[in-house]
C-alpha atoms as a PDB file:
ATOM      1  CA  MET A   1      -8.511  -3.247  -7.099  1.00  0.00           C
ATOM      2  CA  SER A   2     -12.075  -2.226  -8.200  1.00  0.00           C
ATOM      3  CA  LEU A   3     -10.445  -2.249 -11.953  1.00  0.00           C
ATOM      4  CA  LEU A   4     -10.323   1.013 -13.482  1.00  0.00           C
ATOM      5  CA  ALA A   5     -13.796  -0.312 -15.547  1.00  0.00           C
ATOM      6  CA  ALA A   6     -17.166   1.563 -15.356  1.00  0.00           C
ATOM      7  CA  ASP A   7     -18.971   0.777 -18.405  1.00  0.00           C
ATOM      8  CA  GLY A   8     -18.573  -0.501 -21.631  1.00  0.00           C
ATOM      9  CA  ALA A   9     -15.797  -2.503 -22.731  1.00  0.00           C
ATOM     10  CA  ASP A  10     -14.008  -1.453 -19.522  1.00  0.00           C
ATOM     11  CA  ALA A  11     -16.904  -2.908 -17.384  1.00  0.00           C
ATOM     12  CA  ASP A  12     -16.804  -6.619 -20.111  1.00  0.00           C
ATOM     13  CA  PHE A  13     -12.882  -6.783 -18.693  1.00  0.00           C
ATOM     14  CA  SER A  14     -13.808  -6.129 -15.014  1.00  0.00           C
ATOM     15  CA  ALA A  15     -16.363  -9.203 -15.414  1.00  0.00           C
ATOM     16  CA  ALA A  16     -14.330 -11.220 -17.673  1.00  0.00           C
ATOM     17  CA  ALA A  17     -11.236 -10.894 -15.667  1.00  0.00           C
ATOM     18  CA  GLU A  18     -12.455 -11.131 -11.610  1.00  0.00           C
ATOM     19  CA  PRO A  19     -12.695 -14.395 -11.172  1.00  0.00           C
ATOM     20  CA  TYR A  20      -9.244 -15.694 -11.911  1.00  0.00           C
ATOM     21  CA  ARG A  21      -7.965 -12.525  -9.237  1.00  0.00           C
ATOM     22  CA  ARG A  22      -7.299 -15.772  -6.702  1.00  0.00           C
ATOM     23  CA  GLU A  23      -5.180 -18.103  -8.973  1.00  0.00           C
ATOM     24  CA  LEU A  24      -3.628 -14.982 -10.416  1.00  0.00           C
ATOM     25  CA  LEU A  25      -2.391 -14.404  -6.634  1.00  0.00           C
ATOM     26  CA  ALA A  26      -1.309 -17.658  -6.024  1.00  0.00           C
ATOM     27  CA  HIS A  27       0.897 -17.849  -9.519  1.00  0.00           C
ATOM     28  CA  CYS A  28       2.649 -14.467  -8.447  1.00  0.00           C
ATOM     29  CA  TYR A  29       2.940 -15.322  -4.923  1.00  0.00           C
ATOM     30  CA  ARG A  30       4.798 -19.134  -6.436  1.00  0.00           C
ATOM     31  CA  MET A  31       6.926 -17.077  -8.769  1.00  0.00           C
ATOM     32  CA  THR A  32       8.232 -14.332  -5.657  1.00  0.00           C
ATOM     33  CA  GLY A  33       7.352 -15.836  -2.455  1.00  0.00           C
ATOM     34  CA  SER A  34       6.121 -12.806  -1.089  1.00  0.00           C
ATOM     35  CA  LEU A  35       2.029 -11.963  -0.313  1.00  0.00           C
ATOM     36  CA  HIS A  36       2.753  -8.572  -0.639  1.00  0.00           C
ATOM     37  CA  ASP A  37       4.345  -8.235  -3.838  1.00  0.00           C
ATOM     38  CA  ALA A  38       2.051 -10.916  -5.595  1.00  0.00           C
ATOM     39  CA  GLU A  39      -1.157  -8.289  -4.381  1.00  0.00           C
ATOM     40  CA  ASP A  40       1.081  -5.654  -5.828  1.00  0.00           C
ATOM     41  CA  LEU A  41       2.434  -7.945  -9.232  1.00  0.00           C
ATOM     42  CA  VAL A  42      -1.790  -8.758  -9.759  1.00  0.00           C
ATOM     43  CA  GLN A  43      -2.622  -5.434  -9.593  1.00  0.00           C
ATOM     44  CA  GLU A  44      -0.174  -4.688 -12.232  1.00  0.00           C
ATOM     45  CA  THR A  45      -1.394  -7.789 -14.194  1.00  0.00           C
ATOM     46  CA  LEU A  46      -4.912  -6.624 -14.272  1.00  0.00           C
ATOM     47  CA  LEU A  47      -3.641  -3.131 -15.361  1.00  0.00           C
ATOM     48  CA  ARG A  48      -1.595  -4.046 -17.936  1.00  0.00           C
ATOM     49  CA  ALA A  49      -4.247  -6.745 -19.483  1.00  0.00           C
ATOM     50  CA  TRP A  50      -6.618  -4.128 -19.244  1.00  0.00           C
ATOM     51  CA  LYS A  51      -4.759  -1.402 -21.261  1.00  0.00           C
ATOM     52  CA  ALA A  52      -4.445  -4.702 -24.020  1.00  0.00           C
ATOM     53  CA  TYR A  53      -8.228  -6.030 -24.036  1.00  0.00           C
ATOM     54  CA  ASP A  54      -8.951  -4.322 -27.209  1.00  0.00           C
ATOM     55  CA  ARG A  55      -6.182  -5.802 -28.746  1.00  0.00           C
ATOM     56  CA  PHE A  56      -7.257  -9.091 -27.189  1.00  0.00           C
ATOM     57  CA  GLU A  57      -7.774 -11.945 -30.042  1.00  0.00           C
ATOM     58  CA  GLY A  58      -8.798 -14.738 -28.271  1.00  0.00           C
ATOM     59  CA  LYS A  59      -6.321 -17.596 -30.019  1.00  0.00           C
ATOM     60  CA  SER A  60      -6.242 -18.383 -26.192  1.00  0.00           C
ATOM     61  CA  SER A  61      -8.395 -18.412 -23.357  1.00  0.00           C
ATOM     62  CA  LEU A  62      -8.677 -15.249 -21.238  1.00  0.00           C
ATOM     63  CA  ARG A  63      -6.943 -17.588 -18.307  1.00  0.00           C
ATOM     64  CA  THR A  64      -4.277 -18.185 -20.294  1.00  0.00           C
ATOM     65  CA  TRP A  65      -3.676 -14.926 -21.534  1.00  0.00           C
ATOM     66  CA  LEU A  66      -3.822 -13.655 -18.269  1.00  0.00           C
ATOM     67  CA  HIS A  67      -1.674 -15.938 -17.149  1.00  0.00           C
ATOM     68  CA  ARG A  68       0.878 -14.763 -19.401  1.00  0.00           C
ATOM     69  CA  ILE A  69       0.760 -11.318 -18.644  1.00  0.00           C
ATOM     70  CA  ALA A  70       1.131 -12.156 -15.001  1.00  0.00           C
ATOM     71  CA  THR A  71       4.336 -14.797 -15.539  1.00  0.00           C
ATOM     72  CA  ASN A  72       6.158 -11.744 -17.491  1.00  0.00           C
ATOM     73  CA  THR A  73       5.151  -8.668 -15.405  1.00  0.00           C
ATOM     74  CA  CYS A  74       6.552 -11.446 -12.280  1.00  0.00           C
ATOM     75  CA  LEU A  75       9.764 -11.760 -14.421  1.00  0.00           C
ATOM     76  CA  SER A  76      10.255  -8.262 -14.919  1.00  0.00           C
ATOM     77  CA  ALA A  77       9.728  -7.868 -11.317  1.00  0.00           C
ATOM     78  CA  LEU A  78      12.414 -10.097 -10.118  1.00  0.00           C
ATOM     79  CA  GLU A  79      14.931  -9.115 -12.472  1.00  0.00           C
ATOM     80  CA  GLY A  80      18.236  -8.326 -10.072  1.00  0.00           C
ATOM     81  CA  ARG A  81      16.217  -9.544  -6.835  1.00  0.00           C
ATOM     82  CA  GLY A  82      17.463 -11.997  -4.517  1.00  0.00           C
ATOM     83  CA  ARG A  83      15.754 -15.151  -3.470  1.00  0.00           C
ATOM     84  CA  ARG A  84      12.953 -14.946  -0.345  1.00  0.00           C
ATOM     85  CA  PRO A  85      14.906 -17.481   2.003  1.00  0.00           C
ATOM     86  CA  LEU A  86      14.185 -19.519   5.566  1.00  0.00           C
ATOM     87  CA  PRO A  87      16.022 -19.637   8.014  1.00  0.00           C
ATOM     88  CA  ALA A  88      16.947 -23.162   7.624  1.00  0.00           C
ATOM     89  CA  GLY A  89      17.880 -22.238   3.935  1.00  0.00           C
ATOM     90  CA  LEU A  90      20.391 -19.765   4.684  1.00  0.00           C
ATOM     91  CA  GLY A  91      22.545 -22.925   4.864  1.00  0.00           C
ATOM     92  CA  GLY A  92      23.906 -22.919   8.300  1.00  0.00           C
ATOM     93  CA  ALA A  93      23.406 -25.427  10.729  1.00  0.00           C
ATOM     94  CA  PRO A  94      20.613 -26.177  13.713  1.00  0.00           C
ATOM     95  CA  SER A  95      21.414 -23.154  16.342  1.00  0.00           C
ATOM     96  CA  ASP A  96      21.981 -23.440  20.131  1.00  0.00           C
ATOM     97  CA  PRO A  97      18.787 -22.447  21.633  1.00  0.00           C
ATOM     98  CA  THR A  98      20.345 -20.210  24.584  1.00  0.00           C
ATOM     99  CA  ALA A  99      22.407 -18.513  22.198  1.00  0.00           C
ATOM    100  CA  GLU A 100      21.471 -14.805  21.305  1.00  0.00           C
ATOM    101  CA  LEU A 101      19.089 -13.736  18.723  1.00  0.00           C
ATOM    102  CA  VAL A 102      20.053 -12.726  15.422  1.00  0.00           C
ATOM    103  CA  GLU A 103      17.638 -10.337  13.802  1.00  0.00           C
ATOM    104  CA  ARG A 104      17.701  -9.274  10.175  1.00  0.00           C
ATOM    105  CA  ARG A 105      14.763  -7.731   8.859  1.00  0.00           C
ATOM    106  CA  GLU A 106      16.270  -6.118   6.128  1.00  0.00           C
ATOM    107  CA  VAL A 107      16.333  -9.857   4.489  1.00  0.00           C
ATOM    108  CA  PRO A 108      13.469 -10.630   1.652  1.00  0.00           C
ATOM    109  CA  TRP A 109      12.051 -13.571   3.724  1.00  0.00           C
ATOM    110  CA  LEU A 110       9.596 -15.411   2.563  1.00  0.00           C
ATOM    111  CA  GLU A 111       6.202 -14.797   3.350  1.00  0.00           C
ATOM    112  CA  PRO A 112       2.595 -17.198   4.315  1.00  0.00           C
ATOM    113  CA  LEU A 113      -0.418 -16.991   1.816  1.00  0.00           C
ATOM    114  CA  PRO A 114      -4.105 -16.821   3.446  1.00  0.00           C
ATOM    115  CA  GLN A 115      -6.329 -19.861   2.750  1.00  0.00           C
ATOM    116  CA  ALA A 116      -7.691 -20.320  -0.005  1.00  0.00           C
ATOM    117  CA  THR A 117     -11.084 -21.780  -1.386  1.00  0.00           C
ATOM    118  CA  ASP A 118     -11.638 -25.651  -1.563  1.00  0.00           C
ATOM    119  CA  ASP A 119     -14.619 -25.357  -3.569  1.00  0.00           C
ATOM    120  CA  PRO A 120     -13.586 -28.514  -6.839  1.00  0.00           C
ATOM    121  CA  ALA A 121     -15.847 -26.578  -8.914  1.00  0.00           C
ATOM    122  CA  ASP A 122     -13.518 -23.031  -8.412  1.00  0.00           C
ATOM    123  CA  PRO A 123     -11.217 -23.034 -11.117  1.00  0.00           C
ATOM    124  CA  SER A 124      -8.832 -21.518  -8.680  1.00  0.00           C
ATOM    125  CA  ALA A 125      -8.701 -24.391  -6.687  1.00  0.00           C
ATOM    126  CA  VAL A 126      -6.910 -26.246  -9.580  1.00  0.00           C
ATOM    127  CA  VAL A 127      -3.801 -24.086  -9.327  1.00  0.00           C
ATOM    128  CA  GLU A 128      -4.058 -23.627  -5.826  1.00  0.00           C
ATOM    129  CA  SER A 129      -3.795 -27.306  -4.192  1.00  0.00           C
ATOM    130  CA  ARG A 130      -2.246 -27.484  -0.785  1.00  0.00           C
ATOM    131  CA  GLU A 131       0.947 -28.933  -2.334  1.00  0.00           C
ATOM    132  CA  SER A 132       1.824 -25.986  -4.895  1.00  0.00           C
ATOM    133  CA  VAL A 133       1.980 -23.691  -2.499  1.00  0.00           C
ATOM    134  CA  ARG A 134       2.893 -25.582   0.689  1.00  0.00           C
ATOM    135  CA  LEU A 135       6.059 -23.221   2.396  1.00  0.00           C
ATOM    136  CA  ALA A 136       8.710 -25.880   1.920  1.00  0.00           C
ATOM    137  CA  PHE A 137       7.656 -25.892  -1.534  1.00  0.00           C
ATOM    138  CA  VAL A 138       7.444 -21.951  -2.682  1.00  0.00           C
ATOM    139  CA  ALA A 139      11.310 -22.248  -0.435  1.00  0.00           C
ATOM    140  CA  ALA A 140      12.453 -24.964  -2.896  1.00  0.00           C
ATOM    141  CA  LEU A 141      11.194 -22.531  -5.443  1.00  0.00           C
ATOM    142  CA  GLN A 142      13.461 -19.785  -4.333  1.00  0.00           C
ATOM    143  CA  HIS A 143      16.299 -21.503  -4.995  1.00  0.00           C
ATOM    144  CA  LEU A 144      15.641 -21.626  -8.844  1.00  0.00           C
ATOM    145  CA  SER A 145      16.762 -18.833 -11.255  1.00  0.00           C
ATOM    146  CA  PRO A 146      13.066 -16.517 -12.241  1.00  0.00           C
ATOM    147  CA  ARG A 147      12.397 -18.124 -15.957  1.00  0.00           C
ATOM    148  CA  GLN A 148      13.246 -22.062 -14.395  1.00  0.00           C
ATOM    149  CA  ARG A 149      10.836 -21.299 -11.948  1.00  0.00           C
ATOM    150  CA  ALA A 150       8.161 -19.540 -14.864  1.00  0.00           C
ATOM    151  CA  VAL A 151       8.616 -22.881 -16.763  1.00  0.00           C
ATOM    152  CA  LEU A 152       8.362 -25.244 -13.840  1.00  0.00           C
ATOM    153  CA  LEU A 153       5.184 -23.591 -13.126  1.00  0.00           C
ATOM    154  CA  LEU A 154       3.576 -23.225 -16.604  1.00  0.00           C
ATOM    155  CA  ARG A 155       4.398 -26.807 -17.114  1.00  0.00           C
ATOM    156  CA  GLU A 156       3.572 -28.548 -14.195  1.00  0.00           C
ATOM    157  CA  VAL A 157       1.455 -26.408 -11.987  1.00  0.00           C
ATOM    158  CA  LEU A 158      -0.800 -24.560 -14.642  1.00  0.00           C
ATOM    159  CA  GLN A 159      -0.312 -27.963 -16.779  1.00  0.00           C
ATOM    160  CA  TRP A 160       0.348 -25.997 -20.220  1.00  0.00           C
ATOM    161  CA  HIS A 161       2.214 -27.592 -23.090  1.00  0.00           C
ATOM    162  CA  SER A 162       6.001 -26.885 -23.601  1.00  0.00           C
ATOM    163  CA  ALA A 163       5.107 -25.044 -27.136  1.00  0.00           C
ATOM    164  CA  GLU A 164       2.288 -22.840 -24.776  1.00  0.00           C
ATOM    165  CA  VAL A 165       5.412 -22.169 -22.099  1.00  0.00           C
ATOM    166  CA  ALA A 166       7.671 -20.936 -24.813  1.00  0.00           C
ATOM    167  CA  THR A 167       5.370 -18.372 -26.729  1.00  0.00           C
ATOM    168  CA  ALA A 168       4.391 -16.934 -23.093  1.00  0.00           C
ATOM    169  CA  ILE A 169       8.181 -16.376 -21.912  1.00  0.00           C
ATOM    170  CA  GLY A 170       9.219 -15.651 -25.765  1.00  0.00           C
ATOM    171  CA  THR A 171      11.925 -18.542 -26.047  1.00  0.00           C
ATOM    172  CA  SER A 172      12.134 -22.142 -28.146  1.00  0.00           C
ATOM    173  CA  THR A 173      10.279 -24.714 -27.162  1.00  0.00           C
ATOM    174  CA  THR A 174      13.912 -26.614 -26.816  1.00  0.00           C
ATOM    175  CA  ALA A 175      14.991 -23.851 -23.947  1.00  0.00           C
ATOM    176  CA  VAL A 176      11.796 -24.675 -22.261  1.00  0.00           C
ATOM    177  CA  ASN A 177      12.708 -28.132 -22.157  1.00  0.00           C
ATOM    178  CA  SER A 178      16.064 -27.462 -21.112  1.00  0.00           C
ATOM    179  CA  LEU A 179      15.293 -25.081 -18.133  1.00  0.00           C
ATOM    180  CA  LEU A 180      12.546 -27.435 -17.139  1.00  0.00           C
ATOM    181  CA  GLN A 181      14.903 -30.579 -17.018  1.00  0.00           C
ATOM    182  CA  ARG A 182      17.107 -28.342 -14.636  1.00  0.00           C
ATOM    183  CA  ALA A 183      14.968 -26.655 -12.385  1.00  0.00           C
ATOM    184  CA  ARG A 184      13.802 -30.700 -11.822  1.00  0.00           C
ATOM    185  CA  SER A 185      17.258 -31.679 -11.291  1.00  0.00           C
ATOM    186  CA  GLN A 186      17.214 -28.336  -8.837  1.00  0.00           C
ATOM    187  CA  LEU A 187      14.272 -29.414  -6.594  1.00  0.00           C
ATOM    188  CA  GLN A 188      15.430 -32.885  -6.576  1.00  0.00           C
ATOM    189  CA  THR A 189      18.126 -31.309  -4.657  1.00  0.00           C
ATOM    190  CA  VAL A 190      16.790 -28.839  -2.350  1.00  0.00           C
ATOM    191  CA  GLY A 191      12.988 -29.829  -2.660  1.00  0.00           C
ATOM    192  CA  PRO A 192      10.808 -30.840   0.386  1.00  0.00           C
ATOM    193  CA  SER A 193      10.352 -34.892   0.909  1.00  0.00           C
ATOM    194  CA  SER A 194       7.223 -36.394  -0.189  1.00  0.00           C
ATOM    195  CA  THR A 195       4.514 -34.611   1.644  1.00  0.00           C
ATOM    196  CA  ASP A 196       2.276 -38.287   1.648  1.00  0.00           C
ATOM    197  CA  ARG A 197       2.567 -38.278   5.190  1.00  0.00           C
ATOM    198  CA  LEU A 198       1.121 -34.631   5.326  1.00  0.00           C
ATOM    199  CA  ALA A 199      -2.152 -35.011   6.954  1.00  0.00           C
ATOM    200  CA  THR A 200      -4.791 -31.988   5.285  1.00  0.00           C
ATOM    201  CA  PRO A 201      -6.030 -28.951   7.390  1.00  0.00           C
ATOM    202  CA  ASN A 202      -9.414 -30.321   8.005  1.00  0.00           C
ATOM    203  CA  SER A 203      -8.189 -33.945   8.897  1.00  0.00           C
ATOM    204  CA  PRO A 204      -9.115 -35.158  12.518  1.00  0.00           C
ATOM    205  CA  GLU A 205      -5.770 -35.829  12.946  1.00  0.00           C
ATOM    206  CA  ALA A 206      -4.151 -32.246  12.106  1.00  0.00           C
ATOM    207  CA  GLN A 207      -7.355 -30.586  13.965  1.00  0.00           C
ATOM    208  CA  ASP A 208      -6.701 -32.361  16.917  1.00  0.00           C
ATOM    209  CA  LEU A 209      -2.687 -31.693  17.000  1.00  0.00           C
ATOM    210  CA  LEU A 210      -3.669 -28.173  16.029  1.00  0.00           C
ATOM    211  CA  ALA A 211      -5.903 -27.806  19.063  1.00  0.00           C
ATOM    212  CA  ARG A 212      -3.471 -29.136  21.211  1.00  0.00           C
ATOM    213  CA  TYR A 213      -0.783 -27.140  20.168  1.00  0.00           C
ATOM    214  CA  ILE A 214      -2.887 -23.885  20.794  1.00  0.00           C
ATOM    215  CA  ALA A 215      -3.947 -25.130  24.405  1.00  0.00           C
ATOM    216  CA  ALA A 216      -0.062 -25.569  25.347  1.00  0.00           C
ATOM    217  CA  PHE A 217       0.867 -21.779  24.291  1.00  0.00           C
ATOM    218  CA  GLU A 218      -2.366 -20.616  25.790  1.00  0.00           C
ATOM    219  CA  SER A 219      -1.780 -22.767  28.979  1.00  0.00           C
ATOM    220  CA  TYR A 220       1.759 -21.905  29.067  1.00  0.00           C
ATOM    221  CA  ASP A 221       2.367 -25.476  29.555  1.00  0.00           C
ATOM    222  CA  ILE A 222       5.219 -25.275  26.978  1.00  0.00           C
ATOM    223  CA  GLU A 223       6.910 -29.103  28.343  1.00  0.00           C
ATOM    224  CA  ARG A 224       3.510 -30.595  26.365  1.00  0.00           C
ATOM    225  CA  LEU A 225       4.218 -29.648  23.376  1.00  0.00           C
ATOM    226  CA  VAL A 226       7.218 -32.247  23.424  1.00  0.00           C
ATOM    227  CA  GLU A 227       4.851 -35.247  22.970  1.00  0.00           C
ATOM    228  CA  LEU A 228       3.666 -33.370  19.793  1.00  0.00           C
ATOM    229  CA  PHE A 229       6.758 -32.826  17.823  1.00  0.00           C
ATOM    230  CA  THR A 230       8.555 -35.351  16.282  1.00  0.00           C
ATOM    231  CA  ALA A 231      12.138 -35.877  16.671  1.00  0.00           C
ATOM    232  CA  GLU A 232      13.225 -34.311  13.958  1.00  0.00           C
ATOM    233  CA  ALA A 233      11.151 -31.545  13.988  1.00  0.00           C
ATOM    234  CA  VAL A 234      12.181 -27.869  12.873  1.00  0.00           C
ATOM    235  CA  TRP A 235      11.318 -24.636  14.530  1.00  0.00           C
ATOM    236  CA  GLU A 236      11.806 -21.027  12.290  1.00  0.00           C
ATOM    237  CA  MET A 237      10.899 -17.957  12.956  1.00  0.00           C
ATOM    238  CA  PRO A 238      11.453 -15.051  10.402  1.00  0.00           C
ATOM    239  CA  PRO A 239      13.249 -12.455  10.626  1.00  0.00           C
ATOM    240  CA  TYR A 240      15.823 -14.089  13.266  1.00  0.00           C
ATOM    241  CA  THR A 241      18.156 -16.127  11.384  1.00  0.00           C
ATOM    242  CA  GLY A 242      18.555 -19.274  13.856  1.00  0.00           C
ATOM    243  CA  TRP A 243      16.458 -22.629  12.914  1.00  0.00           C
ATOM    244  CA  TYR A 244      16.008 -24.970  15.830  1.00  0.00           C
ATOM    245  CA  GLN A 245      15.780 -28.832  15.648  1.00  0.00           C
ATOM    246  CA  GLY A 246      14.290 -31.531  18.037  1.00  0.00           C
ATOM    247  CA  PRO A 247      11.412 -31.027  20.649  1.00  0.00           C
ATOM    248  CA  ARG A 248      13.828 -30.246  23.297  1.00  0.00           C
ATOM    249  CA  ASP A 249      15.591 -27.705  21.120  1.00  0.00           C
ATOM    250  CA  ILE A 250      12.473 -25.922  20.568  1.00  0.00           C
ATOM    251  CA  ILE A 251      11.197 -26.133  23.985  1.00  0.00           C
ATOM    252  CA  ALA A 252      14.315 -24.470  25.042  1.00  0.00           C
ATOM    253  CA  LEU A 253      14.234 -22.176  22.494  1.00  0.00           C
ATOM    254  CA  ILE A 254      10.425 -20.830  23.636  1.00  0.00           C
ATOM    255  CA  HIS A 255      11.318 -20.959  27.074  1.00  0.00           C
ATOM    256  CA  GLN A 256      14.307 -19.033  26.991  1.00  0.00           C
ATOM    257  CA  GLN A 257      12.643 -16.174  24.213  1.00  0.00           C
ATOM    258  CA  CYS A 258       9.086 -16.169  24.894  1.00  0.00           C
ATOM    259  CA  PRO A 259       7.778 -12.794  26.415  1.00  0.00           C
ATOM    260  CA  ALA A 260       4.509 -14.801  28.009  1.00  0.00           C
ATOM    261  CA  GLU A 261       5.217 -15.835  31.559  1.00  0.00           C
ATOM    262  CA  VAL A 262       1.746 -17.625  32.688  1.00  0.00           C
ATOM    263  CA  GLY A 263      -1.108 -18.882  31.260  1.00  0.00           C
ATOM    264  CA  GLY A 264      -3.150 -16.511  29.731  1.00  0.00           C
ATOM    265  CA  ASP A 265      -0.508 -14.620  28.300  1.00  0.00           C
ATOM    266  CA  MET A 266      -1.235 -16.189  24.605  1.00  0.00           C
ATOM    267  CA  ARG A 267      -4.242 -16.335  22.544  1.00  0.00           C
ATOM    268  CA  MET A 268      -4.367 -18.647  19.311  1.00  0.00           C
ATOM    269  CA  ILE A 269      -6.596 -18.324  16.462  1.00  0.00           C
ATOM    270  CA  PRO A 270      -6.888 -20.987  14.505  1.00  0.00           C
ATOM    271  CA  LEU A 271      -6.512 -20.691  10.438  1.00  0.00           C
ATOM    272  CA  VAL A 272      -5.170 -22.270   7.333  1.00  0.00           C
ATOM    273  CA  ALA A 273      -2.362 -20.871   5.486  1.00  0.00           C
ATOM    274  CA  ASN A 274      -0.400 -21.872   2.499  1.00  0.00           C
ATOM    275  CA  GLY A 275      -2.738 -25.455   2.632  1.00  0.00           C
ATOM    276  CA  GLN A 276      -1.147 -25.769   6.198  1.00  0.00           C
ATOM    277  CA  PRO A 277      -2.813 -26.032   9.330  1.00  0.00           C
ATOM    278  CA  ALA A 278      -1.885 -22.614  11.716  1.00  0.00           C
ATOM    279  CA  ALA A 279      -2.177 -19.961  13.892  1.00  0.00           C
ATOM    280  CA  ALA A 280      -2.545 -16.430  14.721  1.00  0.00           C
ATOM    281  CA  MET A 281      -0.575 -15.541  18.033  1.00  0.00           C
ATOM    282  CA  TYR A 282      -1.837 -12.965  20.039  1.00  0.00           C
ATOM    283  CA  MET A 283       1.012 -11.513  23.466  1.00  0.00           C
ATOM    284  CA  ARG A 284      -0.698 -10.123  26.374  1.00  0.00           C
ATOM    285  CA  MET A 285       0.211  -5.798  26.466  1.00  0.00           C
ATOM    286  CA  GLY A 286      -1.073  -4.631  29.521  1.00  0.00           C
ATOM    287  CA  ALA A 287      -5.064  -4.644  29.263  1.00  0.00           C
ATOM    288  CA  THR A 288      -5.139  -6.064  25.480  1.00  0.00           C
ATOM    289  CA  HIS A 289      -3.947  -8.850  23.431  1.00  0.00           C
ATOM    290  CA  VAL A 290      -1.835  -7.828  20.403  1.00  0.00           C
ATOM    291  CA  ALA A 291      -0.582  -9.618  17.179  1.00  0.00           C
ATOM    292  CA  PHE A 292       2.784 -11.320  17.570  1.00  0.00           C
ATOM    293  CA  GLN A 293       3.477 -14.325  15.282  1.00  0.00           C
ATOM    294  CA  LEU A 294       1.885 -16.531  12.972  1.00  0.00           C
ATOM    295  CA  HIS A 295       2.559 -20.074  12.754  1.00  0.00           C
ATOM    296  CA  VAL A 296       2.638 -22.513   9.623  1.00  0.00           C
ATOM    297  CA  LEU A 297       2.677 -26.036  10.786  1.00  0.00           C
ATOM    298  CA  ASP A 298       4.005 -29.294   9.111  1.00  0.00           C
ATOM    299  CA  VAL A 299       1.231 -31.857  10.197  1.00  0.00           C
ATOM    300  CA  ARG A 300       1.874 -35.351   9.830  1.00  0.00           C
ATOM    301  CA  THR A 301       0.590 -38.741  10.896  1.00  0.00           C
ATOM    302  CA  ASP A 302       3.341 -38.788  13.775  1.00  0.00           C
ATOM    303  CA  GLY A 303       3.157 -35.039  15.201  1.00  0.00           C
ATOM    304  CA  VAL A 304       4.316 -31.619  14.090  1.00  0.00           C
ATOM    305  CA  SER A 305       7.058 -31.908  12.208  1.00  0.00           C
ATOM    306  CA  HIS A 306       7.708 -28.366  11.013  1.00  0.00           C
ATOM    307  CA  VAL A 307       6.613 -24.793  12.460  1.00  0.00           C
ATOM    308  CA  VAL A 308       7.746 -21.420  10.499  1.00  0.00           C
ATOM    309  CA  ALA A 309       6.717 -18.855  13.229  1.00  0.00           C
ATOM    310  CA  PHE A 310       6.481 -15.428  11.326  1.00  0.00           C
ATOM    311  CA  LEU A 311       7.375 -12.481  13.303  1.00  0.00           C
ATOM    312  CA  ASP A 312       5.170  -9.606  11.044  1.00  0.00           C
ATOM    313  CA  ASP A 313       2.483  -7.978  12.125  1.00  0.00           C
ATOM    314  CA  THR A 314       1.627  -7.023   9.000  1.00  0.00           C
ATOM    315  CA  LEU A 315       0.672 -10.115   7.549  1.00  0.00           C
ATOM    316  CA  PHE A 316      -2.418 -10.407  10.379  1.00  0.00           C
ATOM    317  CA  ALA A 317      -4.342  -8.019   8.233  1.00  0.00           C
ATOM    318  CA  LYS A 318      -3.649  -9.889   4.544  1.00  0.00           C
ATOM    319  CA  PHE A 319      -5.011 -13.152   6.787  1.00  0.00           C
ATOM    320  CA  GLY A 320      -8.493 -11.024   8.142  1.00  0.00           C
ATOM    321  CA  LEU A 321      -7.465 -10.715  11.495  1.00  0.00           C
ATOM    322  CA  PRO A 322      -7.713  -7.766  14.044  1.00  0.00           C
ATOM    323  CA  SER A 323      -4.201  -6.351  15.140  1.00  0.00           C
ATOM    324  CA  SER A 324      -5.294  -6.998  19.094  1.00  0.00           C
ATOM    325  CA  LEU A 325      -8.088  -9.026  20.858  1.00  0.00           C
END
């Protein structure tokens, strides 16, 4: 959004608010699990803030004020909406890799988030740390009610005091503490295990594994993937509802369902998404390669432990990627 501003107070607001756009996007993404929704909600947040800017008294920082507006904008948008799952979060057992795929495009699936800045001087880097935007964490947040989600994020990601959170969402400090306790308890049940063993995207281990992962697909040497996956590795690919566990089942699925036939049918571009190693896959169609999947990987010291392969070519533009190669 080019803030409606052109001159005077409008230009002042545009200059003051624009540096917070990225961290507002991360906050709205964590709240909703959707990159598309988050972008719309940031637009709405900045529009609401622009309209109210003449009444901003400076009792809090502009950053806090914008996050307060963003949180309530998200809470309003989430009224009556269901959560955004990944296939493994639907509650079913691991799927048979030889069975027919079940596609459900009507499900509002969780979406990935493009790479953020790694500049430690950028305030958005603090509230967009890798841990706070990892797919597993954002998926776990979806099991919380919107208000629990808001309280947890404001308290534990933005590091607000309970009284600040209470003022932001219009409730009491006691209610905030109760919501936080319930949110923490729920996350212990559905949340990801410790991320201590996950390699950072720019670590030598992650870079090496991602390069080998890409090479195996591009050469269509799928059997080479077996040595890259951990024993309990999970593969998911929304909008298909199945999920698959273990290297052999994952390899069987790829052999069964992948439209590639020979080396060169697939090309991949390395990326970072959700603070994790990722890759954009293009599939040969005639004389060109077209956008096909976005893979987001959990990489541990002992291999790739989780892959979510998003079959949504509208995401490619969001990552600054071309629709074909």
